[in-house]
Amino acid sequence: MKKFRKNPTTTALRSKMTDFKRFAITLLCVGAFFYIGTILPTSDKTDAYTNVYMGATVLFLSLSILFFSVAKKYKRILDEIDDQDSFQE
């Protein structure tokens, strides 16, 4: 069982990691909804609407990937801090 120290830096990093994961999941869901809007057939949909929806899909999914990578970076930093703490004990 891991012991987490109440270090202010680790607490801040852990909360940032959690926030970025939540942002990424939210952006992933919004991007999926835009994609669904692209593939659903409607009678008044033009090519301009399709291009806007696909642009929004790509934007939101790209931001989601970016936020997941930032959360992974914070997770890696936290793992290094935990490893250093375990070596010091």
PDB file of N, CA and C in Angstrom:
ATOM      1  N   MET A   1       0.842  -1.172   0.000  1.00  0.00           N
ATOM      2  CA  MET A   1       0.000   0.000   0.000  1.00  0.00           C
ATOM      3  C   MET A   1       0.889   1.237   0.000  1.00  0.00           C
ATOM      4  N   LYS A   2       0.588   2.177  -0.886  1.00  0.00           N
ATOM      5  CA  LYS A   2       1.379   3.391  -0.984  1.00  0.00           C
ATOM      6  C   LYS A   2       0.942   4.385   0.062  1.00  0.00           C
ATOM      7  N   LYS A   3       1.931   5.032   0.648  1.00  0.00           N
ATOM      8  CA  LYS A   3       1.627   6.127   1.557  1.00  0.00           C
ATOM      9  C   LYS A   3       1.842   7.431   0.810  1.00  0.00           C
ATOM     10  N   PHE A   4       0.833   8.269   0.849  1.00  0.00           N
ATOM     11  CA  PHE A   4       0.948   9.573   0.216  1.00  0.00           C
ATOM     12  C   PHE A   4       1.228  10.612   1.282  1.00  0.00           C
ATOM     13  N   ARG A   5       2.298  11.314   1.098  1.00  0.00           N
ATOM     14  CA  ARG A   5       2.623  12.397   2.030  1.00  0.00           C
ATOM     15  C   ARG A   5       1.805  13.611   1.685  1.00  0.00           C
ATOM     16  N   LYS A   6       1.525  14.396   2.670  1.00  0.00           N
ATOM     17  CA  LYS A   6       0.740  15.613   2.469  1.00  0.00           C
ATOM     18  C   LYS A   6       1.659  16.774   2.135  1.00  0.00           C
ATOM     19  N   ASN A   7       2.459  16.595   1.110  1.00  0.00           N
ATOM     20  CA  ASN A   7       3.347  17.627   0.622  1.00  0.00           C
ATOM     21  C   ASN A   7       2.526  18.584  -0.242  1.00  0.00           C
ATOM     22  N   PRO A   8       2.665  19.887  -0.044  1.00  0.00           N
ATOM     23  CA  PRO A   8       1.858  20.811  -0.857  1.00  0.00           C
ATOM     24  C   PRO A   8       2.094  20.694  -2.356  1.00  0.00           C
ATOM     25  N   THR A   9       3.325  20.389  -2.758  1.00  0.00           N
ATOM     26  CA  THR A   9       3.581  20.271  -4.192  1.00  0.00           C
ATOM     27  C   THR A   9       2.924  19.022  -4.763  1.00  0.00           C
ATOM     28  N   THR A  10       2.990  17.906  -4.060  1.00  0.00           N
ATOM     29  CA  THR A  10       2.352  16.693  -4.567  1.00  0.00           C
ATOM     30  C   THR A  10       0.839  16.832  -4.569  1.00  0.00           C
ATOM     31  N   THR A  11       0.291  17.510  -3.583  1.00  0.00           N
ATOM     32  CA  THR A  11      -1.152  17.736  -3.553  1.00  0.00           C
ATOM     33  C   THR A  11      -1.586  18.606  -4.728  1.00  0.00           C
ATOM     34  N   ALA A  12      -0.814  19.645  -5.011  1.00  0.00           N
ATOM     35  CA  ALA A  12      -1.138  20.527  -6.140  1.00  0.00           C
ATOM     36  C   ALA A  12      -0.995  19.783  -7.462  1.00  0.00           C
ATOM     37  N   LEU A  13       0.062  18.987  -7.606  1.00  0.00           N
ATOM     38  CA  LEU A  13       0.254  18.226  -8.835  1.00  0.00           C
ATOM     39  C   LEU A  13      -0.849  17.189  -9.028  1.00  0.00           C
ATOM     40  N   ARG A  14      -1.236  16.537  -7.932  1.00  0.00           N
ATOM     41  CA  ARG A  14      -2.301  15.530  -8.024  1.00  0.00           C
ATOM     42  C   ARG A  14      -3.619  16.169  -8.422  1.00  0.00           C
ATOM     43  N   SER A  15      -3.918  17.353  -7.887  1.00  0.00           N
ATOM     44  CA  SER A  15      -5.168  18.020  -8.249  1.00  0.00           C
ATOM     45  C   SER A  15      -5.119  18.514  -9.698  1.00  0.00           C
ATOM     46  N   LYS A  16      -3.956  18.986 -10.159  1.00  0.00           N
ATOM     47  CA  LYS A  16      -3.824  19.396 -11.560  1.00  0.00           C
ATOM     48  C   LYS A  16      -4.005  18.203 -12.491  1.00  0.00           C
ATOM     49  N   MET A  17      -3.423  17.065 -12.123  1.00  0.00           N
ATOM     50  CA  MET A  17      -3.551  15.875 -12.938  1.00  0.00           C
ATOM     51  C   MET A  17      -5.018  15.461 -13.052  1.00  0.00           C
ATOM     52  N   THR A  18      -5.721  15.484 -11.948  1.00  0.00           N
ATOM     53  CA  THR A  18      -7.137  15.128 -11.946  1.00  0.00           C
ATOM     54  C   THR A  18      -7.954  16.108 -12.774  1.00  0.00           C
ATOM     55  N   ASP A  19      -7.663  17.400 -12.637  1.00  0.00           N
ATOM     56  CA  ASP A  19      -8.387  18.409 -13.411  1.00  0.00           C
ATOM     57  C   ASP A  19      -8.163  18.235 -14.912  1.00  0.00           C
ATOM     58  N   PHE A  20      -6.916  17.997 -15.317  1.00  0.00           N
ATOM     59  CA  PHE A  20      -6.644  17.826 -16.738  1.00  0.00           C
ATOM     60  C   PHE A  20      -7.305  16.570 -17.294  1.00  0.00           C
ATOM     61  N   LYS A  21      -7.385  15.509 -16.491  1.00  0.00           N
ATOM     62  CA  LYS A  21      -8.088  14.313 -16.942  1.00  0.00           C
ATOM     63  C   LYS A  21      -9.568  14.601 -17.127  1.00  0.00           C
ATOM     64  N   ARG A  22     -10.148  15.349 -16.191  1.00  0.00           N
ATOM     65  CA  ARG A  22     -11.570  15.699 -16.314  1.00  0.00           C
ATOM     66  C   ARG A  22     -11.814  16.585 -17.528  1.00  0.00           C
ATOM     67  N   PHE A  23     -10.941  17.566 -17.761  1.00  0.00           N
ATOM     68  CA  PHE A  23     -11.069  18.417 -18.942  1.00  0.00           C
ATOM     69  C   PHE A  23     -10.987  17.581 -20.215  1.00  0.00           C
ATOM     70  N   ALA A  24     -10.043  16.640 -20.240  1.00  0.00           N
ATOM     71  CA  ALA A  24      -9.843  15.816 -21.433  1.00  0.00           C
ATOM     72  C   ALA A  24     -11.065  14.937 -21.702  1.00  0.00           C
ATOM     73  N   ILE A  25     -11.636  14.362 -20.658  1.00  0.00           N
ATOM     74  CA  ILE A  25     -12.816  13.517 -20.838  1.00  0.00           C
ATOM     75  C   ILE A  25     -13.999  14.348 -21.313  1.00  0.00           C
ATOM     76  N   THR A  26     -14.150  15.552 -20.767  1.00  0.00           N
ATOM     77  CA  THR A  26     -15.233  16.439 -21.200  1.00  0.00           C
ATOM     78  C   THR A  26     -15.064  16.834 -22.663  1.00  0.00           C
ATOM     79  N   LEU A  27     -13.849  17.191 -23.061  1.00  0.00           N
ATOM     80  CA  LEU A  27     -13.596  17.556 -24.453  1.00  0.00           C
ATOM     81  C   LEU A  27     -13.792  16.362 -25.387  1.00  0.00           C
ATOM     82  N   LEU A  28     -13.457  15.179 -24.917  1.00  0.00           N
ATOM     83  CA  LEU A  28     -13.668  13.977 -25.712  1.00  0.00           C
ATOM     84  C   LEU A  28     -15.157  13.748 -25.959  1.00  0.00           C
ATOM     85  N   CYS A  29     -15.972  13.952 -24.929  1.00  0.00           N
ATOM     86  CA  CYS A  29     -17.427  13.794 -25.074  1.00  0.00           C
ATOM     87  C   CYS A  29     -18.006  14.842 -26.023  1.00  0.00           C
ATOM     88  N   VAL A  30     -17.593  16.079 -25.880  1.00  0.00           N
ATOM     89  CA  VAL A  30     -18.092  17.142 -26.765  1.00  0.00           C
ATOM     90  C   VAL A  30     -17.662  16.885 -28.211  1.00  0.00           C
ATOM     91  N   GLY A  31     -16.438  16.437 -28.404  1.00  0.00           N
ATOM     92  CA  GLY A  31     -15.974  16.095 -29.739  1.00  0.00           C
ATOM     93  C   GLY A  31     -16.770  14.951 -30.347  1.00  0.00           C
ATOM     94  N   ALA A  32     -17.145  13.982 -29.521  1.00  0.00           N
ATOM     95  CA  ALA A  32     -17.970  12.870 -30.012  1.00  0.00           C
ATOM     96  C   ALA A  32     -19.345  13.363 -30.436  1.00  0.00           C
ATOM     97  N   PHE A  33     -19.914  14.304 -29.683  1.00  0.00           N
ATOM     98  CA  PHE A  33     -21.215  14.851 -30.063  1.00  0.00           C
ATOM     99  C   PHE A  33     -21.131  15.622 -31.384  1.00  0.00           C
ATOM    100  N   PHE A  34     -20.060  16.366 -31.587  1.00  0.00           N
ATOM    101  CA  PHE A  34     -19.888  17.050 -32.862  1.00  0.00           C
ATOM    102  C   PHE A  34     -19.739  16.044 -34.009  1.00  0.00           C
ATOM    103  N   TYR A  35     -19.041  14.943 -33.750  1.00  0.00           N
ATOM    104  CA  TYR A  35     -18.899  13.918 -34.777  1.00  0.00           C
ATOM    105  C   TYR A  35     -20.243  13.277 -35.100  1.00  0.00           C
ATOM    106  N   ILE A  36     -21.050  13.027 -34.079  1.00  0.00           N
ATOM    107  CA  ILE A  36     -22.390  12.481 -34.304  1.00  0.00           C
ATOM    108  C   ILE A  36     -23.219  13.456 -35.140  1.00  0.00           C
ATOM    109  N   GLY A  37     -23.076  14.760 -34.868  1.00  0.00           N
ATOM    110  CA  GLY A  37     -23.762  15.749 -35.675  1.00  0.00           C
ATOM    111  C   GLY A  37     -23.303  15.743 -37.118  1.00  0.00           C
ATOM    112  N   THR A  38     -22.082  15.317 -37.344  1.00  0.00           N
ATOM    113  CA  THR A  38     -21.561  15.253 -38.711  1.00  0.00           C
ATOM    114  C   THR A  38     -22.145  14.068 -39.467  1.00  0.00           C
ATOM    115  N   ILE A  39     -22.254  12.915 -38.820  1.00  0.00           N
ATOM    116  CA  ILE A  39     -22.661  11.716 -39.543  1.00  0.00           C
ATOM    117  C   ILE A  39     -24.169  11.522 -39.612  1.00  0.00           C
ATOM    118  N   LEU A  40     -24.945  12.204 -38.766  1.00  0.00           N
ATOM    119  CA  LEU A  40     -26.401  12.054 -38.832  1.00  0.00           C
ATOM    120  C   LEU A  40     -26.950  12.782 -40.059  1.00  0.00           C
ATOM    121  N   PRO A  41     -27.796  12.120 -40.810  1.00  0.00           N
ATOM    122  CA  PRO A  41     -28.341  12.777 -41.997  1.00  0.00           C
ATOM    123  C   PRO A  41     -29.506  13.721 -41.632  1.00  0.00           C
ATOM    124  N   THR A  42     -29.457  14.926 -42.157  1.00  0.00           N
ATOM    125  CA  THR A  42     -30.558  15.873 -42.034  1.00  0.00           C
ATOM    126  C   THR A  42     -30.809  16.489 -43.399  1.00  0.00           C
ATOM    127  N   SER A  43     -32.008  17.016 -43.587  1.00  0.00           N
ATOM    128  CA  SER A  43     -32.361  17.540 -44.906  1.00  0.00           C
ATOM    129  C   SER A  43     -31.762  18.918 -45.177  1.00  0.00           C
ATOM    130  N   ASP A  44     -31.536  19.702 -44.129  1.00  0.00           N
ATOM    131  CA  ASP A  44     -31.044  21.062 -44.347  1.00  0.00           C
ATOM    132  C   ASP A  44     -29.545  21.216 -44.113  1.00  0.00           C
ATOM    133  N   LYS A  45     -28.824  20.124 -44.026  1.00  0.00           N
ATOM    134  CA  LYS A  45     -27.382  20.198 -43.774  1.00  0.00           C
ATOM    135  C   LYS A  45     -26.638  20.463 -45.072  1.00  0.00           C
ATOM    136  N   THR A  46     -25.794  21.467 -45.062  1.00  0.00           N
ATOM    137  CA  THR A  46     -24.991  21.791 -46.241  1.00  0.00           C
ATOM    138  C   THR A  46     -23.550  21.355 -45.996  1.00  0.00           C
ATOM    139  N   ASP A  47     -22.751  21.515 -47.028  1.00  0.00           N
ATOM    140  CA  ASP A  47     -21.330  21.161 -46.895  1.00  0.00           C
ATOM    141  C   ASP A  47     -20.626  22.079 -45.901  1.00  0.00           C
ATOM    142  N   ALA A  48     -21.080  23.318 -45.793  1.00  0.00           N
ATOM    143  CA  ALA A  48     -20.466  24.254 -44.847  1.00  0.00           C
ATOM    144  C   ALA A  48     -20.690  23.774 -43.414  1.00  0.00           C
ATOM    145  N   TYR A  49     -21.910  23.305 -43.110  1.00  0.00           N
ATOM    146  CA  TYR A  49     -22.184  22.791 -41.769  1.00  0.00           C
ATOM    147  C   TYR A  49     -21.342  21.553 -41.479  1.00  0.00           C
ATOM    148  N   THR A  50     -21.224  20.698 -42.469  1.00  0.00           N
ATOM    149  CA  THR A  50     -20.414  19.491 -42.290  1.00  0.00           C
ATOM    150  C   THR A  50     -18.961  19.851 -42.020  1.00  0.00           C
ATOM    151  N   ASN A  51     -18.433  20.815 -42.755  1.00  0.00           N
ATOM    152  CA  ASN A  51     -17.044  21.232 -42.539  1.00  0.00           C
ATOM    153  C   ASN A  51     -16.845  21.868 -41.174  1.00  0.00           C
ATOM    154  N   VAL A  52     -17.820  22.649 -40.724  1.00  0.00           N
ATOM    155  CA  VAL A  52     -17.721  23.268 -39.392  1.00  0.00           C
ATOM    156  C   VAL A  52     -17.761  22.205 -38.306  1.00  0.00           C
ATOM    157  N   TYR A  53     -18.676  21.233 -38.452  1.00  0.00           N
ATOM    158  CA  TYR A  53     -18.757  20.159 -37.461  1.00  0.00           C
ATOM    159  C   TYR A  53     -17.482  19.327 -37.424  1.00  0.00           C
ATOM    160  N   MET A  54     -16.929  19.032 -38.592  1.00  0.00           N
ATOM    161  CA  MET A  54     -15.694  18.248 -38.621  1.00  0.00           C
ATOM    162  C   MET A  54     -14.515  19.047 -38.066  1.00  0.00           C
ATOM    163  N   GLY A  55     -14.495  20.350 -38.344  1.00  0.00           N
ATOM    164  CA  GLY A  55     -13.448  21.186 -37.755  1.00  0.00           C
ATOM    165  C   GLY A  55     -13.550  21.222 -36.238  1.00  0.00           C
ATOM    166  N   ALA A  56     -14.773  21.339 -35.728  1.00  0.00           N
ATOM    167  CA  ALA A  56     -14.974  21.335 -34.279  1.00  0.00           C
ATOM    168  C   ALA A  56     -14.602  19.986 -33.686  1.00  0.00           C
ATOM    169  N   THR A  57     -14.926  18.920 -34.404  1.00  0.00           N
ATOM    170  CA  THR A  57     -14.565  17.575 -33.929  1.00  0.00           C
ATOM    171  C   THR A  57     -13.057  17.434 -33.804  1.00  0.00           C
ATOM    172  N   VAL A  58     -12.346  17.840 -34.831  1.00  0.00           N
ATOM    173  CA  VAL A  58     -10.885  17.734 -34.825  1.00  0.00           C
ATOM    174  C   VAL A  58     -10.293  18.615 -33.718  1.00  0.00           C
ATOM    175  N   LEU A  59     -10.824  19.820 -33.556  1.00  0.00           N
ATOM    176  CA  LEU A  59     -10.329  20.730 -32.527  1.00  0.00           C
ATOM    177  C   LEU A  59     -10.515  20.146 -31.131  1.00  0.00           C
ATOM    178  N   PHE A  60     -11.724  19.691 -30.827  1.00  0.00           N
ATOM    179  CA  PHE A  60     -11.992  19.175 -29.488  1.00  0.00           C
ATOM    180  C   PHE A  60     -11.231  17.884 -29.211  1.00  0.00           C
ATOM    181  N   LEU A  61     -11.118  17.019 -30.198  1.00  0.00           N
ATOM    182  CA  LEU A  61     -10.368  15.782 -29.977  1.00  0.00           C
ATOM    183  C   LEU A  61      -8.869  16.050 -29.844  1.00  0.00           C
ATOM    184  N   SER A  62      -8.360  17.034 -30.572  1.00  0.00           N
ATOM    185  CA  SER A  62      -6.944  17.406 -30.433  1.00  0.00           C
ATOM    186  C   SER A  62      -6.663  17.986 -29.051  1.00  0.00           C
ATOM    187  N   LEU A  63      -7.555  18.850 -28.588  1.00  0.00           N
ATOM    188  CA  LEU A  63      -7.391  19.394 -27.238  1.00  0.00           C
ATOM    189  C   LEU A  63      -7.492  18.294 -26.187  1.00  0.00           C
ATOM    190  N   SER A  64      -8.363  17.331 -26.416  1.00  0.00           N
ATOM    191  CA  SER A  64      -8.483  16.214 -25.483  1.00  0.00           C
ATOM    192  C   SER A  64      -7.188  15.420 -25.409  1.00  0.00           C
ATOM    193  N   ILE A  65      -6.584  15.152 -26.556  1.00  0.00           N
ATOM    194  CA  ILE A  65      -5.306  14.430 -26.582  1.00  0.00           C
ATOM    195  C   ILE A  65      -4.228  15.246 -25.875  1.00  0.00           C
ATOM    196  N   LEU A  66      -4.218  16.544 -26.112  1.00  0.00           N
ATOM    197  CA  LEU A  66      -3.246  17.414 -25.449  1.00  0.00           C
ATOM    198  C   LEU A  66      -3.412  17.370 -23.931  1.00  0.00           C
ATOM    199  N   PHE A  67      -4.654  17.455 -23.455  1.00  0.00           N
ATOM    200  CA  PHE A  67      -4.889  17.449 -22.007  1.00  0.00           C
ATOM    201  C   PHE A  67      -4.566  16.086 -21.398  1.00  0.00           C
ATOM    202  N   PHE A  68      -4.836  14.993 -22.128  1.00  0.00           N
ATOM    203  CA  PHE A  68      -4.440  13.679 -21.622  1.00  0.00           C
ATOM    204  C   PHE A  68      -2.920  13.574 -21.511  1.00  0.00           C
ATOM    205  N   SER A  69      -2.196  14.147 -22.462  1.00  0.00           N
ATOM    206  CA  SER A  69      -0.732  14.089 -22.389  1.00  0.00           C
ATOM    207  C   SER A  69      -0.192  14.945 -21.242  1.00  0.00           C
ATOM    208  N   VAL A  70      -0.833  16.089 -20.967  1.00  0.00           N
ATOM    209  CA  VAL A  70      -0.411  16.913 -19.832  1.00  0.00           C
ATOM    210  C   VAL A  70      -0.681  16.172 -18.523  1.00  0.00           C
ATOM    211  N   ALA A  71      -1.830  15.511 -18.429  1.00  0.00           N
ATOM    212  CA  ALA A  71      -2.142  14.724 -17.222  1.00  0.00           C
ATOM    213  C   ALA A  71      -1.141  13.588 -17.051  1.00  0.00           C
ATOM    214  N   LYS A  72      -0.726  12.987 -18.157  1.00  0.00           N
ATOM    215  CA  LYS A  72       0.278  11.917 -18.092  1.00  0.00           C
ATOM    216  C   LYS A  72       1.620  12.456 -17.614  1.00  0.00           C
ATOM    217  N   LYS A  73       1.955  13.678 -18.040  1.00  0.00           N
ATOM    218  CA  LYS A  73       3.205  14.302 -17.604  1.00  0.00           C
ATOM    219  C   LYS A  73       3.188  14.526 -16.089  1.00  0.00           C
ATOM    220  N   TYR A  74       2.064  15.031 -15.577  1.00  0.00           N
ATOM    221  CA  TYR A  74       1.952  15.225 -14.135  1.00  0.00           C
ATOM    222  C   TYR A  74       1.996  13.898 -13.386  1.00  0.00           C
ATOM    223  N   LYS A  75       1.390  12.864 -13.951  1.00  0.00           N
ATOM    224  CA  LYS A  75       1.428  11.538 -13.332  1.00  0.00           C
ATOM    225  C   LYS A  75       2.862  11.026 -13.265  1.00  0.00           C
ATOM    226  N   ARG A  76       3.629  11.243 -14.337  1.00  0.00           N
ATOM    227  CA  ARG A  76       5.029  10.805 -14.359  1.00  0.00           C
ATOM    228  C   ARG A  76       5.832  11.548 -13.291  1.00  0.00           C
ATOM    229  N   ILE A  77       5.596  12.847 -13.134  1.00  0.00           N
ATOM    230  CA  ILE A  77       6.301  13.634 -12.114  1.00  0.00           C
ATOM    231  C   ILE A  77       5.943  13.130 -10.722  1.00  0.00           C
ATOM    232  N   LEU A  78       4.664  12.840 -10.502  1.00  0.00           N
ATOM    233  CA  LEU A  78       4.249  12.324  -9.198  1.00  0.00           C
ATOM    234  C   LEU A  78       4.871  10.960  -8.913  1.00  0.00           C
ATOM    235  N   ASP A  79       4.956  10.107  -9.925  1.00  0.00           N
ATOM    236  CA  ASP A  79       5.603   8.807  -9.730  1.00  0.00           C
ATOM    237  C   ASP A  79       7.076   8.963  -9.377  1.00  0.00           C
ATOM    238  N   GLU A  80       7.760   9.920 -10.012  1.00  0.00           N
ATOM    239  CA  GLU A  80       9.163  10.157  -9.686  1.00  0.00           C
ATOM    240  C   GLU A  80       9.315  10.662  -8.251  1.00  0.00           C
ATOM    241  N   ILE A  81       8.416  11.529  -7.825  1.00  0.00           N
ATOM    242  CA  ILE A  81       8.471  12.033  -6.446  1.00  0.00           C
ATOM    243  C   ILE A  81       8.222  10.898  -5.469  1.00  0.00           C
ATOM    244  N   ASP A  82       7.257  10.023  -5.781  1.00  0.00           N
ATOM    245  CA  ASP A  82       6.972   8.889  -4.903  1.00  0.00           C
ATOM    246  C   ASP A  82       8.144   7.918  -4.847  1.00  0.00           C
ATOM    247  N   ASP A  83       8.813   7.717  -5.995  1.00  0.00           N
ATOM    248  CA  ASP A  83       9.986   6.839  -6.008  1.00  0.00           C
ATOM    249  C   ASP A  83      11.121   7.422  -5.172  1.00  0.00           C
ATOM    250  N   GLN A  84      11.339   8.730  -5.264  1.00  0.00           N
ATOM    251  CA  GLN A  84      12.387   9.369  -4.474  1.00  0.00           C
ATOM    252  C   GLN A  84      12.071   9.271  -2.981  1.00  0.00           C
ATOM    253  N   ASP A  85      10.807   9.417  -2.636  1.00  0.00           N
ATOM    254  CA  ASP A  85      10.418   9.294  -1.227  1.00  0.00           C
ATOM    255  C   ASP A  85      10.605   7.873  -0.721  1.00  0.00           C
ATOM    256  N   SER A  86      10.341   6.878  -1.561  1.00  0.00           N
ATOM    257  CA  SER A  86      10.504   5.495  -1.132  1.00  0.00           C
ATOM    258  C   SER A  86      11.978   5.132  -0.988  1.00  0.00           C
ATOM    259  N   PHE A  87      12.857   5.737  -1.795  1.00  0.00           N
ATOM    260  CA  PHE A  87      14.278   5.489  -1.670  1.00  0.00           C
ATOM    261  C   PHE A  87      14.848   6.142  -0.411  1.00  0.00           C
ATOM    262  N   GLN A  88      14.276   7.247   0.003  1.00  0.00           N
ATOM    263  CA  GLN A  88      14.785   7.941   1.181  1.00  0.00           C
ATOM    264  C   GLN A  88      14.380   7.241   2.477  1.00  0.00           C
ATOM    265  N   GLU A  89      13.361   6.426   2.423  1.00  0.00           N
ATOM    266  CA  GLU A  89      12.911   5.752   3.666  1.00  0.00           C
ATOM    267  C   GLU A  89      13.690   4.534   3.988  1.00  0.00           C
TER     268      GLU A  89
END
